[in-house]
Amino acid sequence: MKGSKARILEHLRTHDGITSMAAFKLFGETRLAARISELRDMGYAIETMMMESENRYGDVTRYAFYVLKGEPNNGK
């Protein structure tokens, strides 16, 4: 594995989780959900937690926070 998918996986392994905004700022990744889907297809257990916060206009917005819960079981 290489590229942004590898960087996102390493970030998930070493941090509490990642949001699309963080993925864009850190790695220039604009399609985090697609990379997460690819990692899930590879066997990684990644949980999606929907979060809420207020934006600069006072509106409540929702966003996904992805957390790595488990590595693939290659001994199937």
PDB file of N, CA and C in Angstrom:
ATOM      1  N   MET A   1       0.850  -1.179   0.000  1.00  0.00           N
ATOM      2  CA  MET A   1       0.000   0.000   0.000  1.00  0.00           C
ATOM      3  C   MET A   1       0.892   1.238   0.000  1.00  0.00           C
ATOM      4  N   LYS A   2       0.443   2.248  -0.750  1.00  0.00           N
ATOM      5  CA  LYS A   2       1.220   3.480  -0.789  1.00  0.00           C
ATOM      6  C   LYS A   2       0.283   4.661  -0.987  1.00  0.00           C
ATOM      7  N   GLY A   3       0.837   5.845  -0.985  1.00  0.00           N
ATOM      8  CA  GLY A   3       0.059   7.054  -1.220  1.00  0.00           C
ATOM      9  C   GLY A   3      -0.754   7.490  -0.021  1.00  0.00           C
ATOM     10  N   SER A   4      -1.816   8.224  -0.314  1.00  0.00           N
ATOM     11  CA  SER A   4      -2.602   8.812   0.772  1.00  0.00           C
ATOM     12  C   SER A   4      -3.291   7.750   1.611  1.00  0.00           C
ATOM     13  N   LYS A   5      -3.639   6.607   1.017  1.00  0.00           N
ATOM     14  CA  LYS A   5      -4.272   5.536   1.795  1.00  0.00           C
ATOM     15  C   LYS A   5      -3.336   5.053   2.905  1.00  0.00           C
ATOM     16  N   ALA A   6      -2.065   4.894   2.588  1.00  0.00           N
ATOM     17  CA  ALA A   6      -1.083   4.467   3.586  1.00  0.00           C
ATOM     18  C   ALA A   6      -0.900   5.539   4.661  1.00  0.00           C
ATOM     19  N   ARG A   7      -0.882   6.796   4.241  1.00  0.00           N
ATOM     20  CA  ARG A   7      -0.725   7.879   5.215  1.00  0.00           C
ATOM     21  C   ARG A   7      -1.944   7.967   6.137  1.00  0.00           C
ATOM     22  N   ILE A   8      -3.128   7.778   5.582  1.00  0.00           N
ATOM     23  CA  ILE A   8      -4.346   7.806   6.398  1.00  0.00           C
ATOM     24  C   ILE A   8      -4.346   6.648   7.384  1.00  0.00           C
ATOM     25  N   LEU A   9      -3.975   5.454   6.933  1.00  0.00           N
ATOM     26  CA  LEU A   9      -3.911   4.299   7.828  1.00  0.00           C
ATOM     27  C   LEU A   9      -2.918   4.541   8.960  1.00  0.00           C
ATOM     28  N   GLU A  10      -1.757   5.063   8.640  1.00  0.00           N
ATOM     29  CA  GLU A  10      -0.767   5.343   9.684  1.00  0.00           C
ATOM     30  C   GLU A  10      -1.305   6.374  10.680  1.00  0.00           C
ATOM     31  N   HIS A  11      -2.002   7.379  10.170  1.00  0.00           N
ATOM     32  CA  HIS A  11      -2.598   8.380  11.050  1.00  0.00           C
ATOM     33  C   HIS A  11      -3.634   7.728  11.972  1.00  0.00           C
ATOM     34  N   LEU A  12      -4.463   6.854  11.422  1.00  0.00           N
ATOM     35  CA  LEU A  12      -5.462   6.162  12.244  1.00  0.00           C
ATOM     36  C   LEU A  12      -4.791   5.301  13.317  1.00  0.00           C
ATOM     37  N   ARG A  13      -3.670   4.706  12.982  1.00  0.00           N
ATOM     38  CA  ARG A  13      -2.951   3.853  13.946  1.00  0.00           C
ATOM     39  C   ARG A  13      -2.313   4.673  15.068  1.00  0.00           C
ATOM     40  N   THR A  14      -1.934   5.902  14.792  1.00  0.00           N
ATOM     41  CA  THR A  14      -1.162   6.678  15.769  1.00  0.00           C
ATOM     42  C   THR A  14      -1.943   7.827  16.420  1.00  0.00           C
ATOM     43  N   HIS A  15      -3.183   8.040  15.995  1.00  0.00           N
ATOM     44  CA  HIS A  15      -4.006   9.111  16.551  1.00  0.00           C
ATOM     45  C   HIS A  15      -5.386   8.576  16.904  1.00  0.00           C
ATOM     46  N   ASP A  16      -6.194   9.384  17.551  1.00  0.00           N
ATOM     47  CA  ASP A  16      -7.534   8.963  17.973  1.00  0.00           C
ATOM     48  C   ASP A  16      -8.461   8.723  16.795  1.00  0.00           C
ATOM     49  N   GLY A  17      -8.263   9.402  15.687  1.00  0.00           N
ATOM     50  CA  GLY A  17      -9.127   9.266  14.518  1.00  0.00           C
ATOM     51  C   GLY A  17      -8.820  10.366  13.521  1.00  0.00           C
ATOM     52  N   ILE A  18      -9.703  10.498  12.518  1.00  0.00           N
ATOM     53  CA  ILE A  18      -9.466  11.507  11.483  1.00  0.00           C
ATOM     54  C   ILE A  18     -10.802  11.989  10.911  1.00  0.00           C
ATOM     55  N   THR A  19     -10.817  13.236  10.518  1.00  0.00           N
ATOM     56  CA  THR A  19     -11.963  13.835   9.829  1.00  0.00           C
ATOM     57  C   THR A  19     -11.541  14.192   8.409  1.00  0.00           C
ATOM     58  N   SER A  20     -12.516  14.498   7.564  1.00  0.00           N
ATOM     59  CA  SER A  20     -12.178  14.881   6.196  1.00  0.00           C
ATOM     60  C   SER A  20     -11.377  16.180   6.165  1.00  0.00           C
ATOM     61  N   MET A  21     -11.675  17.110   7.070  1.00  0.00           N
ATOM     62  CA  MET A  21     -10.920  18.362   7.122  1.00  0.00           C
ATOM     63  C   MET A  21      -9.454  18.095   7.476  1.00  0.00           C
ATOM     64  N   ALA A  22      -9.219  17.228   8.450  1.00  0.00           N
ATOM     65  CA  ALA A  22      -7.848  16.891   8.830  1.00  0.00           C
ATOM     66  C   ALA A  22      -7.127  16.182   7.687  1.00  0.00           C
ATOM     67  N   ALA A  23      -7.822  15.268   6.982  1.00  0.00           N
ATOM     68  CA  ALA A  23      -7.203  14.553   5.870  1.00  0.00           C
ATOM     69  C   ALA A  23      -6.807  15.520   4.763  1.00  0.00           C
ATOM     70  N   PHE A  24      -7.634  16.519   4.526  1.00  0.00           N
ATOM     71  CA  PHE A  24      -7.301  17.506   3.500  1.00  0.00           C
ATOM     72  C   PHE A  24      -6.108  18.353   3.936  1.00  0.00           C
ATOM     73  N   LYS A  25      -6.120  18.827   5.184  1.00  0.00           N
ATOM     74  CA  LYS A  25      -5.021  19.678   5.663  1.00  0.00           C
ATOM     75  C   LYS A  25      -3.696  18.922   5.743  1.00  0.00           C
ATOM     76  N   LEU A  26      -3.748  17.673   6.212  1.00  0.00           N
ATOM     77  CA  LEU A  26      -2.516  16.907   6.414  1.00  0.00           C
ATOM     78  C   LEU A  26      -1.973  16.284   5.133  1.00  0.00           C
ATOM     79  N   PHE A  27      -2.879  15.742   4.303  1.00  0.00           N
ATOM     80  CA  PHE A  27      -2.444  14.922   3.176  1.00  0.00           C
ATOM     81  C   PHE A  27      -2.947  15.407   1.815  1.00  0.00           C
ATOM     82  N   GLY A  28      -3.762  16.458   1.791  1.00  0.00           N
ATOM     83  CA  GLY A  28      -4.332  16.915   0.539  1.00  0.00           C
ATOM     84  C   GLY A  28      -5.390  15.971  -0.002  1.00  0.00           C
ATOM     85  N   GLU A  29      -5.910  15.099   0.843  1.00  0.00           N
ATOM     86  CA  GLU A  29      -6.901  14.097   0.443  1.00  0.00           C
ATOM     87  C   GLU A  29      -8.293  14.710   0.467  1.00  0.00           C
ATOM     88  N   THR A  30      -8.959  14.720  -0.681  1.00  0.00           N
ATOM     89  CA  THR A  30     -10.298  15.298  -0.767  1.00  0.00           C
ATOM     90  C   THR A  30     -11.397  14.238  -0.760  1.00  0.00           C
ATOM     91  N   ARG A  31     -11.017  12.963  -0.778  1.00  0.00           N
ATOM     92  CA  ARG A  31     -12.005  11.886  -0.814  1.00  0.00           C
ATOM     93  C   ARG A  31     -11.747  10.883   0.309  1.00  0.00           C
ATOM     94  N   LEU A  32     -11.786  11.367   1.545  1.00  0.00           N
ATOM     95  CA  LEU A  32     -11.495  10.503   2.686  1.00  0.00           C
ATOM     96  C   LEU A  32     -12.452   9.319   2.758  1.00  0.00           C
ATOM     97  N   ALA A  33     -13.746   9.536   2.546  1.00  0.00           N
ATOM     98  CA  ALA A  33     -14.706   8.432   2.632  1.00  0.00           C
ATOM     99  C   ALA A  33     -14.356   7.305   1.661  1.00  0.00           C
ATOM    100  N   ALA A  34     -13.867   7.642   0.482  1.00  0.00           N
ATOM    101  CA  ALA A  34     -13.459   6.627  -0.489  1.00  0.00           C
ATOM    102  C   ALA A  34     -12.248   5.844   0.010  1.00  0.00           C
ATOM    103  N   ARG A  35     -11.267   6.554   0.590  1.00  0.00           N
ATOM    104  CA  ARG A  35     -10.088   5.865   1.129  1.00  0.00           C
ATOM    105  C   ARG A  35     -10.483   4.964   2.302  1.00  0.00           C
ATOM    106  N   ILE A  36     -11.398   5.429   3.153  1.00  0.00           N
ATOM    107  CA  ILE A  36     -11.871   4.621   4.286  1.00  0.00           C
ATOM    108  C   ILE A  36     -12.561   3.368   3.763  1.00  0.00           C
ATOM    109  N   SER A  37     -13.375   3.511   2.719  1.00  0.00           N
ATOM    110  CA  SER A  37     -14.056   2.363   2.114  1.00  0.00           C
ATOM    111  C   SER A  37     -13.042   1.352   1.578  1.00  0.00           C
ATOM    112  N   GLU A  38     -11.986   1.825   0.941  1.00  0.00           N
ATOM    113  CA  GLU A  38     -10.945   0.934   0.437  1.00  0.00           C
ATOM    114  C   GLU A  38     -10.246   0.206   1.579  1.00  0.00           C
ATOM    115  N   LEU A  39      -9.968   0.912   2.662  1.00  0.00           N
ATOM    116  CA  LEU A  39      -9.339   0.273   3.823  1.00  0.00           C
ATOM    117  C   LEU A  39     -10.261  -0.770   4.436  1.00  0.00           C
ATOM    118  N   ARG A  40     -11.542  -0.472   4.505  1.00  0.00           N
ATOM    119  CA  ARG A  40     -12.510  -1.462   5.010  1.00  0.00           C
ATOM    120  C   ARG A  40     -12.533  -2.691   4.114  1.00  0.00           C
ATOM    121  N   ASP A  41     -12.497  -2.481   2.797  1.00  0.00           N
ATOM    122  CA  ASP A  41     -12.471  -3.606   1.853  1.00  0.00           C
ATOM    123  C   ASP A  41     -11.235  -4.471   2.046  1.00  0.00           C
ATOM    124  N   MET A  42     -10.162  -3.881   2.565  1.00  0.00           N
ATOM    125  CA  MET A  42      -8.928  -4.620   2.831  1.00  0.00           C
ATOM    126  C   MET A  42      -8.977  -5.332   4.188  1.00  0.00           C
ATOM    127  N   GLY A  43     -10.066  -5.150   4.940  1.00  0.00           N
ATOM    128  CA  GLY A  43     -10.238  -5.860   6.202  1.00  0.00           C
ATOM    129  C   GLY A  43     -10.051  -5.035   7.454  1.00  0.00           C
ATOM    130  N   TYR A  44      -9.750  -3.754   7.321  1.00  0.00           N
ATOM    131  CA  TYR A  44      -9.587  -2.907   8.501  1.00  0.00           C
ATOM    132  C   TYR A  44     -10.958  -2.555   9.075  1.00  0.00           C
ATOM    133  N   ALA A  45     -11.084  -2.674  10.386  1.00  0.00           N
ATOM    134  CA  ALA A  45     -12.331  -2.322  11.069  1.00  0.00           C
ATOM    135  C   ALA A  45     -12.257  -0.843  11.423  1.00  0.00           C
ATOM    136  N   ILE A  46     -13.019  -0.040  10.723  1.00  0.00           N
ATOM    137  CA  ILE A  46     -13.019   1.402  10.940  1.00  0.00           C
ATOM    138  C   ILE A  46     -14.437   1.831  11.255  1.00  0.00           C
ATOM    139  N   GLU A  47     -14.603   2.456  12.403  1.00  0.00           N
ATOM    140  CA  GLU A  47     -15.909   2.928  12.850  1.00  0.00           C
ATOM    141  C   GLU A  47     -16.120   4.374  12.409  1.00  0.00           C
ATOM    142  N   THR A  48     -17.329   4.686  11.979  1.00  0.00           N
ATOM    143  CA  THR A  48     -17.706   6.053  11.645  1.00  0.00           C
ATOM    144  C   THR A  48     -18.541   6.606  12.786  1.00  0.00           C
ATOM    145  N   MET A  49     -18.073   7.677  13.370  1.00  0.00           N
ATOM    146  CA  MET A  49     -18.818   8.356  14.428  1.00  0.00           C
ATOM    147  C   MET A  49     -19.274   9.698  13.869  1.00  0.00           C
ATOM    148  N   MET A  50     -20.566   9.947  13.901  1.00  0.00           N
ATOM    149  CA  MET A  50     -21.084  11.225  13.414  1.00  0.00           C
ATOM    150  C   MET A  50     -21.019  12.237  14.556  1.00  0.00           C
ATOM    151  N   MET A  51     -20.369  13.350  14.287  1.00  0.00           N
ATOM    152  CA  MET A  51     -20.153  14.396  15.278  1.00  0.00           C
ATOM    153  C   MET A  51     -20.944  15.637  14.879  1.00  0.00           C
ATOM    154  N   GLU A  52     -21.173  16.513  15.836  1.00  0.00           N
ATOM    155  CA  GLU A  52     -21.839  17.785  15.567  1.00  0.00           C
ATOM    156  C   GLU A  52     -21.029  18.911  16.170  1.00  0.00           C
ATOM    157  N   SER A  53     -21.007  20.021  15.473  1.00  0.00           N
ATOM    158  CA  SER A  53     -20.385  21.224  16.022  1.00  0.00           C
ATOM    159  C   SER A  53     -21.033  22.430  15.360  1.00  0.00           C
ATOM    160  N   GLU A  54     -20.738  23.565  15.901  1.00  0.00           N
ATOM    161  CA  GLU A  54     -21.279  24.807  15.361  1.00  0.00           C
ATOM    162  C   GLU A  54     -20.282  25.414  14.388  1.00  0.00           C
ATOM    163  N   ASN A  55     -20.766  25.877  13.242  1.00  0.00           N
ATOM    164  CA  ASN A  55     -19.865  26.533  12.312  1.00  0.00           C
ATOM    165  C   ASN A  55     -19.756  28.021  12.650  1.00  0.00           C
ATOM    166  N   ARG A  56     -19.021  28.750  11.859  1.00  0.00           N
ATOM    167  CA  ARG A  56     -18.773  30.165  12.159  1.00  0.00           C
ATOM    168  C   ARG A  56     -20.028  31.027  12.119  1.00  0.00           C
ATOM    169  N   TYR A  57     -21.098  30.505  11.529  1.00  0.00           N
ATOM    170  CA  TYR A  57     -22.356  31.247  11.443  1.00  0.00           C
ATOM    171  C   TYR A  57     -23.340  30.844  12.542  1.00  0.00           C
ATOM    172  N   GLY A  58     -22.920  29.923  13.392  1.00  0.00           N
ATOM    173  CA  GLY A  58     -23.782  29.462  14.477  1.00  0.00           C
ATOM    174  C   GLY A  58     -24.682  28.310  14.094  1.00  0.00           C
ATOM    175  N   ASP A  59     -24.537  27.803  12.881  1.00  0.00           N
ATOM    176  CA  ASP A  59     -25.337  26.660  12.441  1.00  0.00           C
ATOM    177  C   ASP A  59     -24.698  25.366  12.937  1.00  0.00           C
ATOM    178  N   VAL A  60     -25.529  24.408  13.314  1.00  0.00           N
ATOM    179  CA  VAL A  60     -25.035  23.095  13.713  1.00  0.00           C
ATOM    180  C   VAL A  60     -24.756  22.284  12.443  1.00  0.00           C
ATOM    181  N   THR A  61     -23.559  21.739  12.370  1.00  0.00           N
ATOM    182  CA  THR A  61     -23.174  20.915  11.225  1.00  0.00           C
ATOM    183  C   THR A  61     -22.752  19.539  11.726  1.00  0.00           C
ATOM    184  N   ARG A  62     -22.904  18.547  10.860  1.00  0.00           N
ATOM    185  CA  ARG A  62     -22.505  17.175  11.192  1.00  0.00           C
ATOM    186  C   ARG A  62     -21.347  16.772  10.291  1.00  0.00           C
ATOM    187  N   TYR A  63     -20.453  15.970  10.849  1.00  0.00           N
ATOM    188  CA  TYR A  63     -19.325  15.471  10.070  1.00  0.00           C
ATOM    189  C   TYR A  63     -18.909  14.112  10.607  1.00  0.00           C
ATOM    190  N   ALA A  64     -18.235  13.326   9.766  1.00  0.00           N
ATOM    191  CA  ALA A  64     -17.783  11.990  10.140  1.00  0.00           C
ATOM    192  C   ALA A  64     -16.403  12.057  10.788  1.00  0.00           C
ATOM    193  N   PHE A  65     -16.230  11.252  11.832  1.00  0.00           N
ATOM    194  CA  PHE A  65     -14.954  11.079  12.516  1.00  0.00           C
ATOM    195  C   PHE A  65     -14.664   9.583  12.450  1.00  0.00           C
ATOM    196  N   TYR A  66     -13.593   9.201  11.769  1.00  0.00           N
ATOM    197  CA  TYR A  66     -13.277   7.796  11.550  1.00  0.00           C
ATOM    198  C   TYR A  66     -12.245   7.312  12.569  1.00  0.00           C
ATOM    199  N   VAL A  67     -12.516   6.137  13.150  1.00  0.00           N
ATOM    200  CA  VAL A  67     -11.658   5.564  14.186  1.00  0.00           C
ATOM    201  C   VAL A  67     -11.309   4.128  13.809  1.00  0.00           C
ATOM    202  N   LEU A  68     -10.016   3.800  13.878  1.00  0.00           N
ATOM    203  CA  LEU A  68      -9.566   2.436  13.610  1.00  0.00           C
ATOM    204  C   LEU A  68      -9.861   1.571  14.833  1.00  0.00           C
ATOM    205  N   LYS A  69     -10.625   0.498  14.626  1.00  0.00           N
ATOM    206  CA  LYS A  69     -11.006  -0.403  15.715  1.00  0.00           C
ATOM    207  C   LYS A  69     -10.297  -1.739  15.640  1.00  0.00           C
ATOM    208  N   GLY A  70      -9.733  -2.087  14.474  1.00  0.00           N
ATOM    209  CA  GLY A  70      -9.053  -3.378  14.368  1.00  0.00           C
ATOM    210  C   GLY A  70      -8.341  -3.542  13.044  1.00  0.00           C
ATOM    211  N   GLU A  71      -7.301  -4.366  13.098  1.00  0.00           N
ATOM    212  CA  GLU A  71      -6.497  -4.691  11.924  1.00  0.00           C
ATOM    213  C   GLU A  71      -7.103  -5.913  11.241  1.00  0.00           C
ATOM    214  N   PRO A  72      -6.778  -6.122   9.959  1.00  0.00           N
ATOM    215  CA  PRO A  72      -7.301  -7.298   9.249  1.00  0.00           C
ATOM    216  C   PRO A  72      -6.803  -8.591   9.892  1.00  0.00           C
ATOM    217  N   ASN A  73      -7.635  -9.612   9.823  1.00  0.00           N
ATOM    218  CA  ASN A  73      -7.243 -10.932  10.297  1.00  0.00           C
ATOM    219  C   ASN A  73      -6.778 -11.727   9.084  1.00  0.00           C
ATOM    220  N   ASN A  74      -5.458 -11.764   8.879  1.00  0.00           N
ATOM    221  CA  ASN A  74      -4.911 -12.424   7.687  1.00  0.00           C
ATOM    222  C   ASN A  74      -4.834 -13.927   7.833  1.00  0.00           C
ATOM    223  N   GLY A  75      -5.172 -14.458   8.993  1.00  0.00           N
ATOM    224  CA  GLY A  75      -5.102 -15.904   9.207  1.00  0.00           C
ATOM    225  C   GLY A  75      -6.434 -16.587   8.997  1.00  0.00           C
ATOM    226  N   LYS A  76      -7.252 -16.095   8.071  1.00  0.00           N
ATOM    227  CA  LYS A  76      -8.585 -16.671   7.822  1.00  0.00           C
ATOM    228  C   LYS A  76      -8.488 -18.066   7.274  1.00  0.00           C
TER     229      LYS A  76
END
